[in-house]
Amino acid sequence: MKMTGAEFMAWPSKAITLMGMSGVGKTTLANNCPKSRWFHYSGDYRIGTKYLSEPILDNIKRQAMKVDFLRDLLRSDSIYIASNITVHNLAPVATFLGKIGQNNLGGLSVDAFKKRQKLHRLAEIGAMRDVEEFIRKAKQLYGYDNFLNDAGGSICELNDPETLEILAKKTLILYLRADSVMEEKMTQRAINSPKPMYYQNEFLDFQLSEYLQETGLNDAEEIIPDEFVRWVFPKHVENRRSKYQAIAEKYGYTVDANLTANVKNEAQFLNIIAETLG
């Protein structure tokens, strides 16, 4: 959605999609918009609670069945397992995605990993297409005039123009662009605490080949899962940077994430957007 700063400020029912790398401050920024006035929509939460809820539970049960004590209780229906996904706790989604590498270290084969990646991509497309319906629900069912879509970091990887067209038609897309200093901080966090990530197949295949050649390993299942995630993360950031920018140029706008990091309230947030549009 394209508009001027004045048109944005006069827009009676604002709908915004926040886009950028995980850790760039999307959720923190969203939380500065009061929940009494804004409907907060989390793409990752929708993915975990609707589209991947059954695969996530199956994955947890698969692990539980490896434990004799839990297996017997599950098979006799003496216990049940449920994931406790919240907007602030999306660990079950990340755990389902997993990492490539040695099975004894919790790693997945390339084929198993790619199957989960495919499911995640379809789930994210579904969650982003649901935004249109949730904007309607937010207003008609819950009485919210304003809507904020906190999109997942992998939205730039979907390769699905129709989904982006829907978001651009119904929301103002705002890309929070990290500078080199912020990217370095995100990279250091990823090194200290490697998290599962979504990768496009072409990127993953190329990087796996490079990593195996560089480390002298013969097969992806020899990889130490966390080590590959640490190694590939800076390349992943660089790869995504141009994709975010291309989406912003075609469908929305770009704002310096350092500016939004200093936002303390709704008024400051709206003023930054208006200035960006201006």
C-alpha atoms as a PDB file:
ATOM      1  CA  MET A   1       0.000   0.000   0.000  1.00  0.00           C
ATOM      2  CA  LYS A   2       1.392   3.367  -1.050  1.00  0.00           C
ATOM      3  CA  MET A   3       0.330   6.677   0.481  1.00  0.00           C
ATOM      4  CA  THR A   4       1.659  10.020   1.659  1.00  0.00           C
ATOM      5  CA  GLY A   5       2.515  10.807   5.251  1.00  0.00           C
ATOM      6  CA  ALA A   6      -0.579  12.988   5.566  1.00  0.00           C
ATOM      7  CA  GLU A   7      -2.793  10.245   4.150  1.00  0.00           C
ATOM      8  CA  PHE A   8      -1.312   7.783   6.623  1.00  0.00           C
ATOM      9  CA  MET A   9      -1.964  10.016   9.620  1.00  0.00           C
ATOM     10  CA  ALA A  10      -5.548  10.597   8.441  1.00  0.00           C
ATOM     11  CA  TRP A  11      -6.121   6.874   7.829  1.00  0.00           C
ATOM     12  CA  PRO A  12      -8.858   5.996  10.348  1.00  0.00           C
ATOM     13  CA  SER A  13      -8.169   2.237  10.483  1.00  0.00           C
ATOM     14  CA  LYS A  14      -4.426   1.771  10.169  1.00  0.00           C
ATOM     15  CA  ALA A  15      -3.074  -1.656   9.195  1.00  0.00           C
ATOM     16  CA  ILE A  16       0.701  -2.182   9.226  1.00  0.00           C
ATOM     17  CA  THR A  17       2.954  -5.138   8.419  1.00  0.00           C
ATOM     18  CA  LEU A  18       6.344  -5.070  10.141  1.00  0.00           C
ATOM     19  CA  MET A  19       9.032  -6.916   8.208  1.00  0.00           C
ATOM     20  CA  GLY A  20      12.700  -7.612   8.962  1.00  0.00           C
ATOM     21  CA  MET A  21      15.214 -10.075  10.370  1.00  0.00           C
ATOM     22  CA  SER A  22      14.442 -11.819  13.635  1.00  0.00           C
ATOM     23  CA  GLY A  23      15.958  -9.681  16.363  1.00  0.00           C
ATOM     24  CA  VAL A  24      15.620  -6.371  14.531  1.00  0.00           C
ATOM     25  CA  GLY A  25      12.975  -5.174  16.996  1.00  0.00           C
ATOM     26  CA  LYS A  26       9.617  -5.849  15.304  1.00  0.00           C
ATOM     27  CA  THR A  27       7.923  -7.309  18.360  1.00  0.00           C
ATOM     28  CA  THR A  28       9.402  -4.715  20.710  1.00  0.00           C
ATOM     29  CA  LEU A  29       8.149  -1.974  18.417  1.00  0.00           C
ATOM     30  CA  ALA A  30       4.716  -3.578  18.175  1.00  0.00           C
ATOM     31  CA  ASN A  31       4.476  -3.692  21.959  1.00  0.00           C
ATOM     32  CA  ASN A  32       4.807   0.102  22.057  1.00  0.00           C
ATOM     33  CA  CYS A  33       1.434   0.300  20.343  1.00  0.00           C
ATOM     34  CA  PRO A  34      -1.151  -0.133  23.111  1.00  0.00           C
ATOM     35  CA  LYS A  35      -3.116  -3.366  22.902  1.00  0.00           C
ATOM     36  CA  SER A  36      -6.208  -1.390  23.874  1.00  0.00           C
ATOM     37  CA  ARG A  37      -6.065   0.339  20.465  1.00  0.00           C
ATOM     38  CA  TRP A  38      -4.173  -2.077  18.226  1.00  0.00           C
ATOM     39  CA  PHE A  39      -4.885  -5.688  17.320  1.00  0.00           C
ATOM     40  CA  HIS A  40      -1.524  -7.486  17.441  1.00  0.00           C
ATOM     41  CA  TYR A  41      -1.235 -10.317  14.915  1.00  0.00           C
ATOM     42  CA  SER A  42       1.802 -12.600  15.169  1.00  0.00           C
ATOM     43  CA  GLY A  43       2.550 -14.571  12.020  1.00  0.00           C
ATOM     44  CA  ASP A  44       4.715 -17.078  13.918  1.00  0.00           C
ATOM     45  CA  TYR A  45       2.002 -17.619  16.534  1.00  0.00           C
ATOM     46  CA  ARG A  46      -0.567 -18.287  13.796  1.00  0.00           C
ATOM     47  CA  ILE A  47       1.832 -20.731  12.150  1.00  0.00           C
ATOM     48  CA  GLY A  48       2.340 -22.641  15.384  1.00  0.00           C
ATOM     49  CA  THR A  49      -1.238 -22.715  16.612  1.00  0.00           C
ATOM     50  CA  LYS A  50      -3.037 -23.420  13.329  1.00  0.00           C
ATOM     51  CA  TYR A  51      -0.924 -24.585  10.436  1.00  0.00           C
ATOM     52  CA  LEU A  52       1.811 -26.544  12.216  1.00  0.00           C
ATOM     53  CA  SER A  53       0.030 -27.501  15.425  1.00  0.00           C
ATOM     54  CA  GLU A  54      -0.339 -31.179  14.499  1.00  0.00           C
ATOM     55  CA  PRO A  55       3.190 -31.666  13.074  1.00  0.00           C
ATOM     56  CA  ILE A  56       4.626 -29.920  16.142  1.00  0.00           C
ATOM     57  CA  LEU A  57       2.729 -32.244  18.487  1.00  0.00           C
ATOM     58  CA  ASP A  58       3.714 -35.290  16.446  1.00  0.00           C
ATOM     59  CA  ASN A  59       7.352 -34.270  16.711  1.00  0.00           C
ATOM     60  CA  ILE A  60       7.099 -33.895  20.491  1.00  0.00           C
ATOM     61  CA  LYS A  61       5.345 -37.256  20.811  1.00  0.00           C
ATOM     62  CA  ARG A  62       7.986 -38.878  18.617  1.00  0.00           C
ATOM     63  CA  GLN A  63      10.639 -37.774  21.079  1.00  0.00           C
ATOM     64  CA  ALA A  64       8.560 -38.829  24.082  1.00  0.00           C
ATOM     65  CA  MET A  65       8.075 -42.306  22.611  1.00  0.00           C
ATOM     66  CA  LYS A  66      11.827 -42.832  22.821  1.00  0.00           C
ATOM     67  CA  VAL A  67      11.530 -42.779  26.626  1.00  0.00           C
ATOM     68  CA  ASP A  68      10.221 -46.096  27.966  1.00  0.00           C
ATOM     69  CA  PHE A  69       8.388 -44.524  30.903  1.00  0.00           C
ATOM     70  CA  LEU A  70       6.590 -41.946  28.747  1.00  0.00           C
ATOM     71  CA  ARG A  71       5.908 -44.394  25.908  1.00  0.00           C
ATOM     72  CA  ASP A  72       3.935 -46.736  28.121  1.00  0.00           C
ATOM     73  CA  LEU A  73       1.885 -43.876  29.560  1.00  0.00           C
ATOM     74  CA  LEU A  74       1.143 -42.454  26.119  1.00  0.00           C
ATOM     75  CA  ARG A  75       0.112 -45.791  24.663  1.00  0.00           C
ATOM     76  CA  SER A  76      -2.270 -46.406  27.531  1.00  0.00           C
ATOM     77  CA  ASP A  77      -3.738 -42.891  27.244  1.00  0.00           C
ATOM     78  CA  SER A  78      -2.619 -42.197  30.809  1.00  0.00           C
ATOM     79  CA  ILE A  79      -1.116 -38.864  29.828  1.00  0.00           C
ATOM     80  CA  TYR A  80      -1.489 -36.447  26.967  1.00  0.00           C
ATOM     81  CA  ILE A  81       0.949 -33.971  25.441  1.00  0.00           C
ATOM     82  CA  ALA A  82       0.160 -30.418  24.405  1.00  0.00           C
ATOM     83  CA  SER A  83       2.392 -27.583  23.251  1.00  0.00           C
ATOM     84  CA  ASN A  84       2.100 -24.297  25.106  1.00  0.00           C
ATOM     85  CA  ILE A  85       2.712 -21.865  22.266  1.00  0.00           C
ATOM     86  CA  THR A  86       2.240 -18.196  23.096  1.00  0.00           C
ATOM     87  CA  VAL A  87       3.129 -14.967  21.313  1.00  0.00           C
ATOM     88  CA  HIS A  88       6.126 -14.712  23.641  1.00  0.00           C
ATOM     89  CA  ASN A  89       7.065 -18.408  23.558  1.00  0.00           C
ATOM     90  CA  LEU A  90       7.441 -19.809  20.048  1.00  0.00           C
ATOM     91  CA  ALA A  91      10.034 -22.427  20.970  1.00  0.00           C
ATOM     92  CA  PRO A  92       7.865 -25.358  19.767  1.00  0.00           C
ATOM     93  CA  VAL A  93       7.838 -23.866  16.244  1.00  0.00           C
ATOM     94  CA  ALA A  94      11.619 -23.494  16.204  1.00  0.00           C
ATOM     95  CA  THR A  95      12.089 -26.964  17.675  1.00  0.00           C
ATOM     96  CA  PHE A  96       9.967 -28.428  14.894  1.00  0.00           C
ATOM     97  CA  LEU A  97      12.064 -26.704  12.210  1.00  0.00           C
ATOM     98  CA  GLY A  98      15.173 -28.288  13.653  1.00  0.00           C
ATOM     99  CA  LYS A  99      18.750 -28.272  12.348  1.00  0.00           C
ATOM    100  CA  ILE A 100      20.712 -30.382   9.909  1.00  0.00           C
ATOM    101  CA  GLY A 101      23.340 -32.690  11.312  1.00  0.00           C
ATOM    102  CA  GLN A 102      24.226 -35.600  13.551  1.00  0.00           C
ATOM    103  CA  ASN A 103      21.227 -37.516  14.805  1.00  0.00           C
ATOM    104  CA  ASN A 104      22.781 -38.140  18.222  1.00  0.00           C
ATOM    105  CA  LEU A 105      23.017 -34.352  18.648  1.00  0.00           C
ATOM    106  CA  GLY A 106      19.392 -33.821  17.678  1.00  0.00           C
ATOM    107  CA  GLY A 107      20.173 -33.139  14.035  1.00  0.00           C
ATOM    108  CA  LEU A 108      18.035 -34.046  11.015  1.00  0.00           C
ATOM    109  CA  SER A 109      18.885 -35.547   7.653  1.00  0.00           C
ATOM    110  CA  VAL A 110      18.735 -33.117   4.727  1.00  0.00           C
ATOM    111  CA  ASP A 111      15.576 -34.796   3.411  1.00  0.00           C
ATOM    112  CA  ALA A 112      13.793 -34.647   6.780  1.00  0.00           C
ATOM    113  CA  PHE A 113      14.879 -31.030   7.261  1.00  0.00           C
ATOM    114  CA  LYS A 114      13.627 -30.005   3.821  1.00  0.00           C
ATOM    115  CA  LYS A 115      10.250 -31.654   4.427  1.00  0.00           C
ATOM    116  CA  ARG A 116       9.825 -29.549   7.558  1.00  0.00           C
ATOM    117  CA  GLN A 117      10.988 -26.445   5.703  1.00  0.00           C
ATOM    118  CA  LYS A 118       8.341 -27.060   3.029  1.00  0.00           C
ATOM    119  CA  LEU A 119       5.637 -27.385   5.680  1.00  0.00           C
ATOM    120  CA  HIS A 120       6.815 -24.152   7.307  1.00  0.00           C
ATOM    121  CA  ARG A 121       6.741 -22.262   4.011  1.00  0.00           C
ATOM    122  CA  LEU A 122       3.157 -23.342   3.320  1.00  0.00           C
ATOM    123  CA  ALA A 123       2.215 -22.483   6.899  1.00  0.00           C
ATOM    124  CA  GLU A 124       3.715 -19.003   6.631  1.00  0.00           C
ATOM    125  CA  ILE A 125       1.914 -18.349   3.359  1.00  0.00           C
ATOM    126  CA  GLY A 126      -1.332 -19.393   5.025  1.00  0.00           C
ATOM    127  CA  ALA A 127      -0.683 -17.203   8.058  1.00  0.00           C
ATOM    128  CA  MET A 128       0.089 -14.145   5.916  1.00  0.00           C
ATOM    129  CA  ARG A 129      -2.974 -14.675   3.737  1.00  0.00           C
ATOM    130  CA  ASP A 130      -5.052 -14.858   6.903  1.00  0.00           C
ATOM    131  CA  VAL A 131      -4.118 -11.240   7.647  1.00  0.00           C
ATOM    132  CA  GLU A 132      -6.935  -9.964   5.426  1.00  0.00           C
ATOM    133  CA  GLU A 133      -9.541 -11.946   7.372  1.00  0.00           C
ATOM    134  CA  PHE A 134      -8.062 -10.977  10.740  1.00  0.00           C
ATOM    135  CA  ILE A 135      -8.190  -7.282   9.862  1.00  0.00           C
ATOM    136  CA  ARG A 136     -11.924  -7.743   9.340  1.00  0.00           C
ATOM    137  CA  LYS A 137     -12.257  -9.788  12.548  1.00  0.00           C
ATOM    138  CA  ALA A 138     -10.260  -7.298  14.564  1.00  0.00           C
ATOM    139  CA  LYS A 139     -12.686  -4.521  13.642  1.00  0.00           C
ATOM    140  CA  GLN A 140     -16.030  -6.299  13.456  1.00  0.00           C
ATOM    141  CA  LEU A 141     -15.593  -8.883  16.208  1.00  0.00           C
ATOM    142  CA  TYR A 142     -13.233  -7.250  18.688  1.00  0.00           C
ATOM    143  CA  GLY A 143     -13.740  -3.560  17.965  1.00  0.00           C
ATOM    144  CA  TYR A 144     -10.151  -2.694  17.041  1.00  0.00           C
ATOM    145  CA  ASP A 145      -9.649   0.055  14.476  1.00  0.00           C
ATOM    146  CA  ASN A 146      -5.905  -0.473  14.103  1.00  0.00           C
ATOM    147  CA  PHE A 147      -4.060  -3.640  13.110  1.00  0.00           C
ATOM    148  CA  LEU A 148      -0.386  -4.618  13.401  1.00  0.00           C
ATOM    149  CA  ASN A 149       1.033  -7.657  11.606  1.00  0.00           C
ATOM    150  CA  ASP A 150       4.305  -8.837  13.160  1.00  0.00           C
ATOM    151  CA  ALA A 151       5.572 -10.922  10.229  1.00  0.00           C
ATOM    152  CA  GLY A 152       8.131 -13.683  10.638  1.00  0.00           C
ATOM    153  CA  GLY A 153      11.714 -13.123   9.544  1.00  0.00           C
ATOM    154  CA  SER A 154      11.341 -15.610   6.700  1.00  0.00           C
ATOM    155  CA  ILE A 155       8.585 -13.696   4.895  1.00  0.00           C
ATOM    156  CA  CYS A 156      11.167 -12.563   2.332  1.00  0.00           C
ATOM    157  CA  GLU A 157      11.888 -16.215   1.454  1.00  0.00           C
ATOM    158  CA  LEU A 158       8.362 -17.216   0.414  1.00  0.00           C
ATOM    159  CA  ASN A 159       8.668 -16.518  -3.321  1.00  0.00           C
ATOM    160  CA  ASP A 160       4.916 -16.063  -3.440  1.00  0.00           C
ATOM    161  CA  PRO A 161       3.929 -12.770  -5.117  1.00  0.00           C
ATOM    162  CA  GLU A 162       0.219 -13.376  -4.526  1.00  0.00           C
ATOM    163  CA  THR A 163       0.730 -13.349  -0.760  1.00  0.00           C
ATOM    164  CA  LEU A 164       2.742 -10.131  -0.950  1.00  0.00           C
ATOM    165  CA  GLU A 165       0.057  -8.571  -3.150  1.00  0.00           C
ATOM    166  CA  ILE A 166      -2.557  -9.383  -0.493  1.00  0.00           C
ATOM    167  CA  LEU A 167      -0.446  -7.840   2.256  1.00  0.00           C
ATOM    168  CA  ALA A 168       0.320  -4.769   0.148  1.00  0.00           C
ATOM    169  CA  LYS A 169      -3.352  -4.287  -0.680  1.00  0.00           C
ATOM    170  CA  LYS A 170      -4.524  -4.533   2.920  1.00  0.00           C
ATOM    171  CA  THR A 171      -1.566  -3.191   4.942  1.00  0.00           C
ATOM    172  CA  LEU A 172       1.257  -0.701   4.840  1.00  0.00           C
ATOM    173  CA  ILE A 173       4.434  -2.819   4.610  1.00  0.00           C
ATOM    174  CA  LEU A 174       7.285  -1.395   6.646  1.00  0.00           C
ATOM    175  CA  TYR A 175      10.752  -2.944   6.398  1.00  0.00           C
ATOM    176  CA  LEU A 176      12.917  -2.357   9.479  1.00  0.00           C
ATOM    177  CA  ARG A 177      16.394  -2.222   7.981  1.00  0.00           C
ATOM    178  CA  ALA A 178      19.305  -3.075  10.255  1.00  0.00           C
ATOM    179  CA  ASP A 179      22.646  -1.334   9.765  1.00  0.00           C
ATOM    180  CA  SER A 180      25.991  -3.159   9.901  1.00  0.00           C
ATOM    181  CA  VAL A 181      26.333  -2.654  13.664  1.00  0.00           C
ATOM    182  CA  MET A 182      22.891  -4.133  14.361  1.00  0.00           C
ATOM    183  CA  GLU A 183      23.562  -7.005  11.959  1.00  0.00           C
ATOM    184  CA  GLU A 184      26.776  -7.756  13.820  1.00  0.00           C
ATOM    185  CA  LYS A 185      24.870  -7.879  17.110  1.00  0.00           C
ATOM    186  CA  MET A 186      22.280 -10.245  15.603  1.00  0.00           C
ATOM    187  CA  THR A 187      25.083 -12.423  14.254  1.00  0.00           C
ATOM    188  CA  GLN A 188      26.773 -12.554  17.641  1.00  0.00           C
ATOM    189  CA  ARG A 189      23.488 -13.615  19.256  1.00  0.00           C
ATOM    190  CA  ALA A 190      23.139 -16.359  16.658  1.00  0.00           C
ATOM    191  CA  ILE A 191      26.675 -17.535  17.394  1.00  0.00           C
ATOM    192  CA  ASN A 192      26.037 -17.565  21.137  1.00  0.00           C
ATOM    193  CA  SER A 193      22.638 -19.237  20.825  1.00  0.00           C
ATOM    194  CA  PRO A 194      22.074 -20.844  17.397  1.00  0.00           C
ATOM    195  CA  LYS A 195      18.391 -21.020  16.470  1.00  0.00           C
ATOM    196  CA  PRO A 196      16.680 -23.044  13.711  1.00  0.00           C
ATOM    197  CA  MET A 197      16.100 -21.015  10.563  1.00  0.00           C
ATOM    198  CA  TYR A 198      14.158 -21.235   7.319  1.00  0.00           C
ATOM    199  CA  TYR A 199      16.237 -21.402   4.112  1.00  0.00           C
ATOM    200  CA  GLN A 200      15.275 -21.545   0.466  1.00  0.00           C
ATOM    201  CA  ASN A 201      16.376 -24.831  -1.104  1.00  0.00           C
ATOM    202  CA  GLU A 202      18.797 -23.278  -3.579  1.00  0.00           C
ATOM    203  CA  PHE A 203      20.551 -21.271  -0.866  1.00  0.00           C
ATOM    204  CA  LEU A 204      20.679 -24.257   1.493  1.00  0.00           C
ATOM    205  CA  ASP A 205      22.075 -26.644  -1.112  1.00  0.00           C
ATOM    206  CA  PHE A 206      24.819 -24.216  -2.104  1.00  0.00           C
ATOM    207  CA  GLN A 207      25.825 -23.408   1.486  1.00  0.00           C
ATOM    208  CA  LEU A 208      25.820 -27.076   2.529  1.00  0.00           C
ATOM    209  CA  SER A 209      28.134 -27.893  -0.359  1.00  0.00           C
ATOM    210  CA  GLU A 210      30.450 -25.028   0.618  1.00  0.00           C
ATOM    211  CA  TYR A 211      30.426 -26.054   4.286  1.00  0.00           C
ATOM    212  CA  LEU A 212      31.209 -29.710   3.574  1.00  0.00           C
ATOM    213  CA  GLN A 213      34.052 -28.708   1.290  1.00  0.00           C
ATOM    214  CA  GLU A 214      35.437 -26.213   3.803  1.00  0.00           C
ATOM    215  CA  THR A 215      35.247 -28.608   6.774  1.00  0.00           C
ATOM    216  CA  GLY A 216      36.287 -31.762   4.915  1.00  0.00           C
ATOM    217  CA  LEU A 217      33.134 -33.636   5.942  1.00  0.00           C
ATOM    218  CA  ASN A 218      31.755 -36.266   3.598  1.00  0.00           C
ATOM    219  CA  ASP A 219      28.070 -36.032   4.412  1.00  0.00           C
ATOM    220  CA  ALA A 220      25.603 -33.549   5.920  1.00  0.00           C
ATOM    221  CA  GLU A 221      24.728 -36.058   8.645  1.00  0.00           C
ATOM    222  CA  GLU A 222      28.274 -35.648   9.988  1.00  0.00           C
ATOM    223  CA  ILE A 223      27.624 -31.964  10.684  1.00  0.00           C
ATOM    224  CA  ILE A 224      27.448 -30.664  14.242  1.00  0.00           C
ATOM    225  CA  PRO A 225      24.058 -28.895  13.985  1.00  0.00           C
ATOM    226  CA  ASP A 226      24.904 -25.730  15.921  1.00  0.00           C
ATOM    227  CA  GLU A 227      28.216 -25.285  14.102  1.00  0.00           C
ATOM    228  CA  PHE A 228      26.551 -25.138  10.695  1.00  0.00           C
ATOM    229  CA  VAL A 229      23.954 -22.638  11.934  1.00  0.00           C
ATOM    230  CA  ARG A 230      26.741 -20.426  13.314  1.00  0.00           C
ATOM    231  CA  TRP A 231      28.684 -20.648  10.062  1.00  0.00           C
ATOM    232  CA  VAL A 232      25.744 -19.975   7.725  1.00  0.00           C
ATOM    233  CA  PHE A 233      24.027 -17.179   9.680  1.00  0.00           C
ATOM    234  CA  PRO A 234      26.108 -14.216   8.361  1.00  0.00           C
ATOM    235  CA  LYS A 235      25.571 -15.477   4.816  1.00  0.00           C
ATOM    236  CA  HIS A 236      21.869 -15.848   5.556  1.00  0.00           C
ATOM    237  CA  VAL A 237      21.649 -12.227   6.730  1.00  0.00           C
ATOM    238  CA  GLU A 238      23.401 -11.013   3.597  1.00  0.00           C
ATOM    239  CA  ASN A 239      21.151 -13.129   1.391  1.00  0.00           C
ATOM    240  CA  ARG A 240      17.970 -11.845   3.010  1.00  0.00           C
ATOM    241  CA  ARG A 241      18.991  -8.191   3.000  1.00  0.00           C
ATOM    242  CA  SER A 242      18.429  -7.669  -0.720  1.00  0.00           C
ATOM    243  CA  LYS A 243      15.175  -9.649  -0.633  1.00  0.00           C
ATOM    244  CA  TYR A 244      13.688  -7.460   2.088  1.00  0.00           C
ATOM    245  CA  GLN A 245      14.771  -4.356   0.209  1.00  0.00           C
ATOM    246  CA  ALA A 246      13.210  -5.550  -3.044  1.00  0.00           C
ATOM    247  CA  ILE A 247       9.876  -6.202  -1.309  1.00  0.00           C
ATOM    248  CA  ALA A 248       9.975  -2.797   0.385  1.00  0.00           C
ATOM    249  CA  GLU A 249      10.733  -0.984  -2.863  1.00  0.00           C
ATOM    250  CA  LYS A 250       7.895  -2.692  -4.730  1.00  0.00           C
ATOM    251  CA  TYR A 251       5.239  -2.958  -2.049  1.00  0.00           C
ATOM    252  CA  GLY A 252       6.089  -0.706   0.878  1.00  0.00           C
ATOM    253  CA  TYR A 253       8.686   1.422   2.625  1.00  0.00           C
ATOM    254  CA  THR A 254      12.020   1.155   4.424  1.00  0.00           C
ATOM    255  CA  VAL A 255      12.839   2.670   7.804  1.00  0.00           C
ATOM    256  CA  ASP A 256      16.097   2.603   9.741  1.00  0.00           C
ATOM    257  CA  ALA A 257      15.729   0.068  12.570  1.00  0.00           C
ATOM    258  CA  ASN A 258      17.867   2.292  14.786  1.00  0.00           C
ATOM    259  CA  LEU A 259      15.124   4.928  14.616  1.00  0.00           C
ATOM    260  CA  THR A 260      12.378   2.502  15.547  1.00  0.00           C
ATOM    261  CA  ALA A 261      14.549   1.037  18.325  1.00  0.00           C
ATOM    262  CA  ASN A 262      14.253   4.373  20.144  1.00  0.00           C
ATOM    263  CA  VAL A 263      10.465   4.523  19.892  1.00  0.00           C
ATOM    264  CA  LYS A 264       8.799   4.666  23.309  1.00  0.00           C
ATOM    265  CA  ASN A 265       5.153   5.171  22.446  1.00  0.00           C
ATOM    266  CA  GLU A 266       2.517   5.039  19.722  1.00  0.00           C
ATOM    267  CA  ALA A 267       2.817   8.697  18.756  1.00  0.00           C
ATOM    268  CA  GLN A 268       6.550   8.397  18.073  1.00  0.00           C
ATOM    269  CA  PHE A 269       5.957   5.281  15.989  1.00  0.00           C
ATOM    270  CA  LEU A 270       3.292   6.944  13.842  1.00  0.00           C
ATOM    271  CA  ASN A 271       5.397  10.071  13.359  1.00  0.00           C
ATOM    272  CA  ILE A 272       8.368   8.023  12.105  1.00  0.00           C
ATOM    273  CA  ILE A 273       6.129   6.267   9.607  1.00  0.00           C
ATOM    274  CA  ALA A 274       4.635   9.573   8.419  1.00  0.00           C
ATOM    275  CA  GLU A 275       8.118  11.052   7.965  1.00  0.00           C
ATOM    276  CA  THR A 276       9.237   7.944   6.073  1.00  0.00           C
ATOM    277  CA  LEU A 277       6.262   8.160   3.744  1.00  0.00           C
ATOM    278  CA  GLY A 278       6.873  11.843   3.287  1.00  0.00           C
END
